Amino acid sequence: MKEFLNPNKEKLILFVILFGLSLIKNLSILSLGQCFDCPDTYGFPIPFYNPGGNYGPAGAYVESGFSFSFMILNIIIVYIIACIIIKIYH
């Protein structure tokens, strides 16, 4: 397990790529089509930043917000995914 999570160059490069992709606006399994009334969020699998300034599905104004704990959780999840991908292909 220690070697599985031990960072190396390949894991870190793949992590940066995957985490960068997770920051793409509205990247969600549920938003396959255009969603005009969905709030903008950043982060996948757990949204951790919402710039706010728009209206949600119920017509309520969405305020901006940032969750540091959700961002850390995303970093951990994406790093484990990168480790799994490197383990599969090596």
PDB file of N, CA and C in Angstrom:
ATOM      1  N   MET A   1       0.824  -1.199   0.000  1.00  0.00           N
ATOM      2  CA  MET A   1       0.000   0.000   0.000  1.00  0.00           C
ATOM      3  C   MET A   1       0.864   1.258   0.000  1.00  0.00           C
ATOM      4  N   LYS A   2       1.982   1.193   0.715  1.00  0.00           N
ATOM      5  CA  LYS A   2       2.856   2.362   0.781  1.00  0.00           C
ATOM      6  C   LYS A   2       3.419   2.697  -0.599  1.00  0.00           C
ATOM      7  N   GLU A   3       3.800   1.660  -1.350  1.00  0.00           N
ATOM      8  CA  GLU A   3       4.330   1.901  -2.698  1.00  0.00           C
ATOM      9  C   GLU A   3       3.232   2.375  -3.647  1.00  0.00           C
ATOM     10  N   PHE A   4       2.005   1.892  -3.429  1.00  0.00           N
ATOM     11  CA  PHE A   4       0.878   2.285  -4.271  1.00  0.00           C
ATOM     12  C   PHE A   4       0.624   3.784  -4.186  1.00  0.00           C
ATOM     13  N   LEU A   5       0.706   4.363  -2.988  1.00  0.00           N
ATOM     14  CA  LEU A   5       0.432   5.784  -2.803  1.00  0.00           C
ATOM     15  C   LEU A   5       1.678   6.658  -2.873  1.00  0.00           C
ATOM     16  N   ASN A   6       2.845   6.048  -2.953  1.00  0.00           N
ATOM     17  CA  ASN A   6       4.095   6.793  -3.006  1.00  0.00           C
ATOM     18  C   ASN A   6       4.154   7.620  -4.305  1.00  0.00           C
ATOM     19  N   PRO A   7       4.311   8.943  -4.208  1.00  0.00           N
ATOM     20  CA  PRO A   7       4.313   9.763  -5.430  1.00  0.00           C
ATOM     21  C   PRO A   7       5.573   9.552  -6.266  1.00  0.00           C
ATOM     22  N   ASN A   8       5.384   9.523  -7.566  1.00  0.00           N
ATOM     23  CA  ASN A   8       6.496   9.537  -8.503  1.00  0.00           C
ATOM     24  C   ASN A   8       6.125  10.479  -9.653  1.00  0.00           C
ATOM     25  N   LYS A   9       7.013  10.609 -10.595  1.00  0.00           N
ATOM     26  CA  LYS A   9       6.815  11.579 -11.675  1.00  0.00           C
ATOM     27  C   LYS A   9       5.551  11.289 -12.485  1.00  0.00           C
ATOM     28  N   GLU A  10       5.333  10.013 -12.821  1.00  0.00           N
ATOM     29  CA  GLU A  10       4.167   9.650 -13.635  1.00  0.00           C
ATOM     30  C   GLU A  10       2.859   9.949 -12.906  1.00  0.00           C
ATOM     31  N   LYS A  11       2.800   9.586 -11.630  1.00  0.00           N
ATOM     32  CA  LYS A  11       1.579   9.818 -10.858  1.00  0.00           C
ATOM     33  C   LYS A  11       1.292  11.306 -10.710  1.00  0.00           C
ATOM     34  N   LEU A  12       2.321  12.083 -10.475  1.00  0.00           N
ATOM     35  CA  LEU A  12       2.120  13.519 -10.294  1.00  0.00           C
ATOM     36  C   LEU A  12       1.680  14.201 -11.585  1.00  0.00           C
ATOM     37  N   ILE A  13       2.259  13.810 -12.708  1.00  0.00           N
ATOM     38  CA  ILE A  13       1.854  14.391 -14.001  1.00  0.00           C
ATOM     39  C   ILE A  13       0.411  14.034 -14.305  1.00  0.00           C
ATOM     40  N   LEU A  14       0.053  12.760 -14.122  1.00  0.00           N
ATOM     41  CA  LEU A  14      -1.325  12.341 -14.368  1.00  0.00           C
ATOM     42  C   LEU A  14      -2.285  13.024 -13.396  1.00  0.00           C
ATOM     43  N   PHE A  15      -1.865  13.196 -12.143  1.00  0.00           N
ATOM     44  CA  PHE A  15      -2.697  13.889 -11.162  1.00  0.00           C
ATOM     45  C   PHE A  15      -2.976  15.326 -11.596  1.00  0.00           C
ATOM     46  N   VAL A  16      -1.945  16.030 -12.038  1.00  0.00           N
ATOM     47  CA  VAL A  16      -2.123  17.427 -12.462  1.00  0.00           C
ATOM     48  C   VAL A  16      -3.076  17.498 -13.656  1.00  0.00           C
ATOM     49  N   ILE A  17      -2.942  16.577 -14.597  1.00  0.00           N
ATOM     50  CA  ILE A  17      -3.825  16.563 -15.763  1.00  0.00           C
ATOM     51  C   ILE A  17      -5.266  16.281 -15.340  1.00  0.00           C
ATOM     52  N   LEU A  18      -5.458  15.255 -14.509  1.00  0.00           N
ATOM     53  CA  LEU A  18      -6.811  14.903 -14.081  1.00  0.00           C
ATOM     54  C   LEU A  18      -7.444  15.995 -13.218  1.00  0.00           C
ATOM     55  N   PHE A  19      -6.655  16.593 -12.327  1.00  0.00           N
ATOM     56  CA  PHE A  19      -7.210  17.648 -11.483  1.00  0.00           C
ATOM     57  C   PHE A  19      -7.540  18.884 -12.324  1.00  0.00           C
ATOM     58  N   GLY A  20      -6.712  19.175 -13.321  1.00  0.00           N
ATOM     59  CA  GLY A  20      -7.015  20.282 -14.231  1.00  0.00           C
ATOM     60  C   GLY A  20      -8.312  20.039 -14.988  1.00  0.00           C
ATOM     61  N   LEU A  21      -8.518  18.796 -15.425  1.00  0.00           N
ATOM     62  CA  LEU A  21      -9.770  18.464 -16.107  1.00  0.00           C
ATOM     63  C   LEU A  21     -10.969  18.566 -15.169  1.00  0.00           C
ATOM     64  N   SER A  22     -10.737  18.285 -13.887  1.00  0.00           N
ATOM     65  CA  SER A  22     -11.852  18.347 -12.936  1.00  0.00           C
ATOM     66  C   SER A  22     -12.303  19.778 -12.678  1.00  0.00           C
ATOM     67  N   LEU A  23     -11.511  20.752 -13.051  1.00  0.00           N
ATOM     68  CA  LEU A  23     -11.874  22.148 -12.841  1.00  0.00           C
ATOM     69  C   LEU A  23     -12.690  22.732 -13.987  1.00  0.00           C
ATOM     70  N   ILE A  24     -12.911  21.942 -15.018  1.00  0.00           N
ATOM     71  CA  ILE A  24     -13.710  22.426 -16.144  1.00  0.00           C
ATOM     72  C   ILE A  24     -15.120  22.724 -15.662  1.00  0.00           C
ATOM     73  N   LYS A  25     -15.612  23.859 -16.058  1.00  0.00           N
ATOM     74  CA  LYS A  25     -16.917  24.346 -15.601  1.00  0.00           C
ATOM     75  C   LYS A  25     -18.023  23.351 -15.934  1.00  0.00           C
ATOM     76  N   ASN A  26     -18.849  23.062 -14.921  1.00  0.00           N
ATOM     77  CA  ASN A  26     -20.018  22.193 -15.054  1.00  0.00           C
ATOM     78  C   ASN A  26     -19.667  20.780 -15.504  1.00  0.00           C
ATOM     79  N   LEU A  27     -18.497  20.270 -15.131  1.00  0.00           N
ATOM     80  CA  LEU A  27     -18.155  18.890 -15.456  1.00  0.00           C
ATOM     81  C   LEU A  27     -18.907  17.993 -14.486  1.00  0.00           C
ATOM     82  N   SER A  28     -19.933  17.368 -14.983  1.00  0.00           N
ATOM     83  CA  SER A  28     -20.778  16.546 -14.129  1.00  0.00           C
ATOM     84  C   SER A  28     -21.384  15.429 -14.960  1.00  0.00           C
ATOM     85  N   ILE A  29     -21.527  14.275 -14.353  1.00  0.00           N
ATOM     86  CA  ILE A  29     -22.164  13.149 -15.038  1.00  0.00           C
ATOM     87  C   ILE A  29     -23.626  13.485 -15.321  1.00  0.00           C
ATOM     88  N   LEU A  30     -24.236  14.278 -14.451  1.00  0.00           N
ATOM     89  CA  LEU A  30     -25.650  14.571 -14.587  1.00  0.00           C
ATOM     90  C   LEU A  30     -25.951  15.660 -15.611  1.00  0.00           C
ATOM     91  N   SER A  31     -24.974  16.494 -15.951  1.00  0.00           N
ATOM     92  CA  SER A  31     -25.253  17.571 -16.905  1.00  0.00           C
ATOM     93  C   SER A  31     -24.710  17.184 -18.278  1.00  0.00           C
ATOM     94  N   LEU A  32     -25.375  16.230 -18.899  1.00  0.00           N
ATOM     95  CA  LEU A  32     -24.948  15.776 -20.223  1.00  0.00           C
ATOM     96  C   LEU A  32     -25.333  16.770 -21.307  1.00  0.00           C
ATOM     97  N   GLY A  33     -26.389  17.499 -21.089  1.00  0.00           N
ATOM     98  CA  GLY A  33     -26.827  18.497 -22.043  1.00  0.00           C
ATOM     99  C   GLY A  33     -26.604  19.890 -21.498  1.00  0.00           C
ATOM    100  N   GLN A  34     -27.083  20.884 -22.214  1.00  0.00           N
ATOM    101  CA  GLN A  34     -26.966  22.267 -21.770  1.00  0.00           C
ATOM    102  C   GLN A  34     -27.972  22.509 -20.661  1.00  0.00           C
ATOM    103  N   CYS A  35     -27.520  23.096 -19.593  1.00  0.00           N
ATOM    104  CA  CYS A  35     -28.392  23.365 -18.453  1.00  0.00           C
ATOM    105  C   CYS A  35     -28.328  24.859 -18.162  1.00  0.00           C
ATOM    106  N   PHE A  36     -29.340  25.603 -18.567  1.00  0.00           N
ATOM    107  CA  PHE A  36     -29.319  27.055 -18.431  1.00  0.00           C
ATOM    108  C   PHE A  36     -29.656  27.525 -17.024  1.00  0.00           C
ATOM    109  N   ASP A  37     -30.401  26.724 -16.281  1.00  0.00           N
ATOM    110  CA  ASP A  37     -30.788  27.166 -14.953  1.00  0.00           C
ATOM    111  C   ASP A  37     -29.998  26.477 -13.836  1.00  0.00           C
ATOM    112  N   CYS A  38     -28.951  25.734 -14.184  1.00  0.00           N
ATOM    113  CA  CYS A  38     -28.118  25.078 -13.175  1.00  0.00           C
ATOM    114  C   CYS A  38     -27.027  26.047 -12.721  1.00  0.00           C
ATOM    115  N   PRO A  39     -26.730  26.046 -11.434  1.00  0.00           N
ATOM    116  CA  PRO A  39     -25.660  26.923 -10.964  1.00  0.00           C
ATOM    117  C   PRO A  39     -24.303  26.475 -11.497  1.00  0.00           C
ATOM    118  N   ASP A  40     -23.429  27.429 -11.792  1.00  0.00           N
ATOM    119  CA  ASP A  40     -22.076  27.105 -12.252  1.00  0.00           C
ATOM    120  C   ASP A  40     -21.276  26.600 -11.061  1.00  0.00           C
ATOM    121  N   THR A  41     -20.601  25.472 -11.240  1.00  0.00           N
ATOM    122  CA  THR A  41     -19.761  24.934 -10.180  1.00  0.00           C
ATOM    123  C   THR A  41     -18.445  24.466 -10.774  1.00  0.00           C
ATOM    124  N   TYR A  42     -17.428  24.442  -9.955  1.00  0.00           N
ATOM    125  CA  TYR A  42     -16.119  23.954 -10.363  1.00  0.00           C
ATOM    126  C   TYR A  42     -15.708  22.843  -9.422  1.00  0.00           C
ATOM    127  N   GLY A  43     -15.171  21.779  -9.984  1.00  0.00           N
ATOM    128  CA  GLY A  43     -14.715  20.656  -9.201  1.00  0.00           C
ATOM    129  C   GLY A  43     -15.486  19.392  -9.540  1.00  0.00           C
ATOM    130  N   PHE A  44     -14.764  18.297  -9.634  1.00  0.00           N
ATOM    131  CA  PHE A  44     -15.385  17.003  -9.902  1.00  0.00           C
ATOM    132  C   PHE A  44     -14.576  15.949  -9.184  1.00  0.00           C
ATOM    133  N   PRO A  45     -15.112  15.036  -8.476  1.00  0.00           N
ATOM    134  CA  PRO A  45     -16.503  14.631  -8.400  1.00  0.00           C
ATOM    135  C   PRO A  45     -17.347  15.453  -7.438  1.00  0.00           C
ATOM    136  N   ILE A  46     -16.722  16.221  -6.560  1.00  0.00           N
ATOM    137  CA  ILE A  46     -17.480  17.032  -5.599  1.00  0.00           C
ATOM    138  C   ILE A  46     -17.232  18.507  -5.903  1.00  0.00           C
ATOM    139  N   PRO A  47     -18.273  19.272  -6.265  1.00  0.00           N
ATOM    140  CA  PRO A  47     -18.058  20.689  -6.546  1.00  0.00           C
ATOM    141  C   PRO A  47     -17.588  21.431  -5.289  1.00  0.00           C
ATOM    142  N   PHE A  48     -16.496  22.180  -5.420  1.00  0.00           N
ATOM    143  CA  PHE A  48     -15.971  22.885  -4.252  1.00  0.00           C
ATOM    144  C   PHE A  48     -15.965  24.391  -4.426  1.00  0.00           C
ATOM    145  N   TYR A  49     -16.292  24.888  -5.616  1.00  0.00           N
ATOM    146  CA  TYR A  49     -16.340  26.338  -5.819  1.00  0.00           C
ATOM    147  C   TYR A  49     -17.549  26.689  -6.668  1.00  0.00           C
ATOM    148  N   ASN A  50     -18.300  27.671  -6.206  1.00  0.00           N
ATOM    149  CA  ASN A  50     -19.443  28.183  -6.935  1.00  0.00           C
ATOM    150  C   ASN A  50     -19.280  29.699  -7.032  1.00  0.00           C
ATOM    151  N   PRO A  51     -19.072  30.234  -8.243  1.00  0.00           N
ATOM    152  CA  PRO A  51     -18.867  31.673  -8.360  1.00  0.00           C
ATOM    153  C   PRO A  51     -20.115  32.491  -8.033  1.00  0.00           C
ATOM    154  N   GLY A  52     -21.284  31.867  -8.071  1.00  0.00           N
ATOM    155  CA  GLY A  52     -22.521  32.562  -7.722  1.00  0.00           C
ATOM    156  C   GLY A  52     -22.941  33.564  -8.777  1.00  0.00           C
ATOM    157  N   GLY A  53     -23.915  34.382  -8.428  1.00  0.00           N
ATOM    158  CA  GLY A  53     -24.367  35.435  -9.320  1.00  0.00           C
ATOM    159  C   GLY A  53     -25.404  34.996 -10.325  1.00  0.00           C
ATOM    160  N   ASN A  54     -25.912  33.782 -10.210  1.00  0.00           N
ATOM    161  CA  ASN A  54     -26.945  33.328 -11.135  1.00  0.00           C
ATOM    162  C   ASN A  54     -28.090  32.722 -10.329  1.00  0.00           C
ATOM    163  N   TYR A  55     -29.056  32.206 -11.026  1.00  0.00           N
ATOM    164  CA  TYR A  55     -30.239  31.668 -10.364  1.00  0.00           C
ATOM    165  C   TYR A  55     -30.263  30.153 -10.487  1.00  0.00           C
ATOM    166  N   GLY A  56     -30.594  29.490  -9.412  1.00  0.00           N
ATOM    167  CA  GLY A  56     -30.656  28.036  -9.379  1.00  0.00           C
ATOM    168  C   GLY A  56     -31.935  27.520 -10.005  1.00  0.00           C
ATOM    169  N   PRO A  57     -32.109  26.189  -9.999  1.00  0.00           N
ATOM    170  CA  PRO A  57     -33.285  25.567 -10.618  1.00  0.00           C
ATOM    171  C   PRO A  57     -34.610  26.033 -10.031  1.00  0.00           C
ATOM    172  N   ALA A  58     -34.637  26.382  -8.750  1.00  0.00           N
ATOM    173  CA  ALA A  58     -35.885  26.822  -8.131  1.00  0.00           C
ATOM    174  C   ALA A  58     -36.090  28.331  -8.263  1.00  0.00           C
ATOM    175  N   GLY A  59     -35.213  29.005  -8.969  1.00  0.00           N
ATOM    176  CA  GLY A  59     -35.326  30.444  -9.151  1.00  0.00           C
ATOM    177  C   GLY A  59     -34.695  31.251  -8.035  1.00  0.00           C
ATOM    178  N   ALA A  60     -34.081  30.592  -7.078  1.00  0.00           N
ATOM    179  CA  ALA A  60     -33.431  31.288  -5.967  1.00  0.00           C
ATOM    180  C   ALA A  60     -32.037  31.750  -6.387  1.00  0.00           C
ATOM    181  N   TYR A  61     -31.650  32.909  -5.917  1.00  0.00           N
ATOM    182  CA  TYR A  61     -30.330  33.456  -6.225  1.00  0.00           C
ATOM    183  C   TYR A  61     -29.257  32.602  -5.545  1.00  0.00           C
ATOM    184  N   VAL A  62     -28.206  32.252  -6.289  1.00  0.00           N
ATOM    185  CA  VAL A  62     -27.124  31.414  -5.772  1.00  0.00           C
ATOM    186  C   VAL A  62     -25.942  32.308  -5.421  1.00  0.00           C
ATOM    187  N   GLU A  63     -25.543  32.288  -4.160  1.00  0.00           N
ATOM    188  CA  GLU A  63     -24.395  33.078  -3.732  1.00  0.00           C
ATOM    189  C   GLU A  63     -23.105  32.306  -3.970  1.00  0.00           C
ATOM    190  N   SER A  64     -22.004  33.034  -4.052  1.00  0.00           N
ATOM    191  CA  SER A  64     -20.727  32.384  -4.285  1.00  0.00           C
ATOM    192  C   SER A  64     -20.279  31.660  -3.021  1.00  0.00           C
ATOM    193  N   GLY A  65     -19.445  30.648  -3.224  1.00  0.00           N
ATOM    194  CA  GLY A  65     -18.953  29.895  -2.077  1.00  0.00           C
ATOM    195  C   GLY A  65     -17.780  29.018  -2.448  1.00  0.00           C
ATOM    196  N   PHE A  66     -16.933  28.761  -1.473  1.00  0.00           N
ATOM    197  CA  PHE A  66     -15.760  27.905  -1.658  1.00  0.00           C
ATOM    198  C   PHE A  66     -15.661  26.987  -0.449  1.00  0.00           C
ATOM    199  N   SER A  67     -15.444  25.703  -0.706  1.00  0.00           N
ATOM    200  CA  SER A  67     -15.298  24.731   0.377  1.00  0.00           C
ATOM    201  C   SER A  67     -13.893  24.140   0.315  1.00  0.00           C
ATOM    202  N   PHE A  68     -13.067  24.534   1.271  1.00  0.00           N
ATOM    203  CA  PHE A  68     -11.693  24.027   1.336  1.00  0.00           C
ATOM    204  C   PHE A  68     -11.674  22.520   1.598  1.00  0.00           C
ATOM    205  N   SER A  69     -12.564  22.044   2.453  1.00  0.00           N
ATOM    206  CA  SER A  69     -12.589  20.613   2.766  1.00  0.00           C
ATOM    207  C   SER A  69     -13.008  19.792   1.548  1.00  0.00           C
ATOM    208  N   PHE A  70     -13.944  20.274   0.742  1.00  0.00           N
ATOM    209  CA  PHE A  70     -14.323  19.567  -0.480  1.00  0.00           C
ATOM    210  C   PHE A  70     -13.178  19.573  -1.494  1.00  0.00           C
ATOM    211  N   MET A  71     -12.407  20.666  -1.552  1.00  0.00           N
ATOM    212  CA  MET A  71     -11.276  20.707  -2.464  1.00  0.00           C
ATOM    213  C   MET A  71     -10.213  19.680  -2.051  1.00  0.00           C
ATOM    214  N   ILE A  72      -9.926  19.589  -0.758  1.00  0.00           N
ATOM    215  CA  ILE A  72      -8.962  18.596  -0.268  1.00  0.00           C
ATOM    216  C   ILE A  72      -9.465  17.187  -0.568  1.00  0.00           C
ATOM    217  N   LEU A  73     -10.758  16.950  -0.371  1.00  0.00           N
ATOM    218  CA  LEU A  73     -11.336  15.649  -0.682  1.00  0.00           C
ATOM    219  C   LEU A  73     -11.202  15.339  -2.167  1.00  0.00           C
ATOM    220  N   ASN A  74     -11.420  16.323  -3.033  1.00  0.00           N
ATOM    221  CA  ASN A  74     -11.229  16.137  -4.474  1.00  0.00           C
ATOM    222  C   ASN A  74      -9.781  15.798  -4.799  1.00  0.00           C
ATOM    223  N   ILE A  75      -8.844  16.484  -4.162  1.00  0.00           N
ATOM    224  CA  ILE A  75      -7.425  16.213  -4.411  1.00  0.00           C
ATOM    225  C   ILE A  75      -7.095  14.769  -4.045  1.00  0.00           C
ATOM    226  N   ILE A  76      -7.600  14.308  -2.910  1.00  0.00           N
ATOM    227  CA  ILE A  76      -7.341  12.929  -2.486  1.00  0.00           C
ATOM    228  C   ILE A  76      -7.951  11.934  -3.463  1.00  0.00           C
ATOM    229  N   ILE A  77      -9.197  12.161  -3.866  1.00  0.00           N
ATOM    230  CA  ILE A  77      -9.876  11.254  -4.794  1.00  0.00           C
ATOM    231  C   ILE A  77      -9.156  11.209  -6.136  1.00  0.00           C
ATOM    232  N   VAL A  78      -8.789  12.372  -6.669  1.00  0.00           N
ATOM    233  CA  VAL A  78      -8.123  12.415  -7.983  1.00  0.00           C
ATOM    234  C   VAL A  78      -6.740  11.776  -7.902  1.00  0.00           C
ATOM    235  N   TYR A  79      -6.024  11.955  -6.787  1.00  0.00           N
ATOM    236  CA  TYR A  79      -4.708  11.325  -6.645  1.00  0.00           C
ATOM    237  C   TYR A  79      -4.832   9.801  -6.581  1.00  0.00           C
ATOM    238  N   ILE A  80      -5.827   9.298  -5.870  1.00  0.00           N
ATOM    239  CA  ILE A  80      -6.027   7.846  -5.815  1.00  0.00           C
ATOM    240  C   ILE A  80      -6.407   7.303  -7.189  1.00  0.00           C
ATOM    241  N   ILE A  81      -7.220   8.036  -7.934  1.00  0.00           N
ATOM    242  CA  ILE A  81      -7.557   7.620  -9.303  1.00  0.00           C
ATOM    243  C   ILE A  81      -6.298   7.581 -10.166  1.00  0.00           C
ATOM    244  N   ALA A  82      -5.426   8.578 -10.026  1.00  0.00           N
ATOM    245  CA  ALA A  82      -4.167   8.590 -10.789  1.00  0.00           C
ATOM    246  C   ALA A  82      -3.301   7.393 -10.402  1.00  0.00           C
ATOM    247  N   CYS A  83      -3.252   7.056  -9.125  1.00  0.00           N
ATOM    248  CA  CYS A  83      -2.485   5.890  -8.684  1.00  0.00           C
ATOM    249  C   CYS A  83      -3.042   4.595  -9.262  1.00  0.00           C
ATOM    250  N   ILE A  84      -4.365   4.483  -9.302  1.00  0.00           N
ATOM    251  CA  ILE A  84      -4.991   3.288  -9.857  1.00  0.00           C
ATOM    252  C   ILE A  84      -4.688   3.164 -11.341  1.00  0.00           C
ATOM    253  N   ILE A  85      -4.780   4.263 -12.078  1.00  0.00           N
ATOM    254  CA  ILE A  85      -4.498   4.228 -13.521  1.00  0.00           C
ATOM    255  C   ILE A  85      -3.046   3.829 -13.779  1.00  0.00           C
ATOM    256  N   ILE A  86      -2.115   4.400 -13.025  1.00  0.00           N
ATOM    257  CA  ILE A  86      -0.702   4.034 -13.207  1.00  0.00           C
ATOM    258  C   ILE A  86      -0.476   2.582 -12.840  1.00  0.00           C
ATOM    259  N   LYS A  87      -1.124   2.077 -11.796  1.00  0.00           N
ATOM    260  CA  LYS A  87      -0.987   0.675 -11.378  1.00  0.00           C
ATOM    261  C   LYS A  87      -1.517  -0.256 -12.458  1.00  0.00           C
ATOM    262  N   ILE A  88      -2.624   0.099 -13.105  1.00  0.00           N
ATOM    263  CA  ILE A  88      -3.215  -0.745 -14.146  1.00  0.00           C
ATOM    264  C   ILE A  88      -2.283  -0.828 -15.357  1.00  0.00           C
ATOM    265  N   TYR A  89      -1.690   0.277 -15.742  1.00  0.00           N
ATOM    266  CA  TYR A  89      -0.878   0.296 -16.958  1.00  0.00           C
ATOM    267  C   TYR A  89       0.585  -0.028 -16.737  1.00  0.00           C
ATOM    268  N   HIS A  90       0.950  -0.411 -15.526  1.00  0.00           N
ATOM    269  CA  HIS A  90       2.343  -0.834 -15.272  1.00  0.00           C
ATOM    270  C   HIS A  90       2.390  -2.238 -14.789  1.00  0.00           C
TER     271      HIS A  90
END
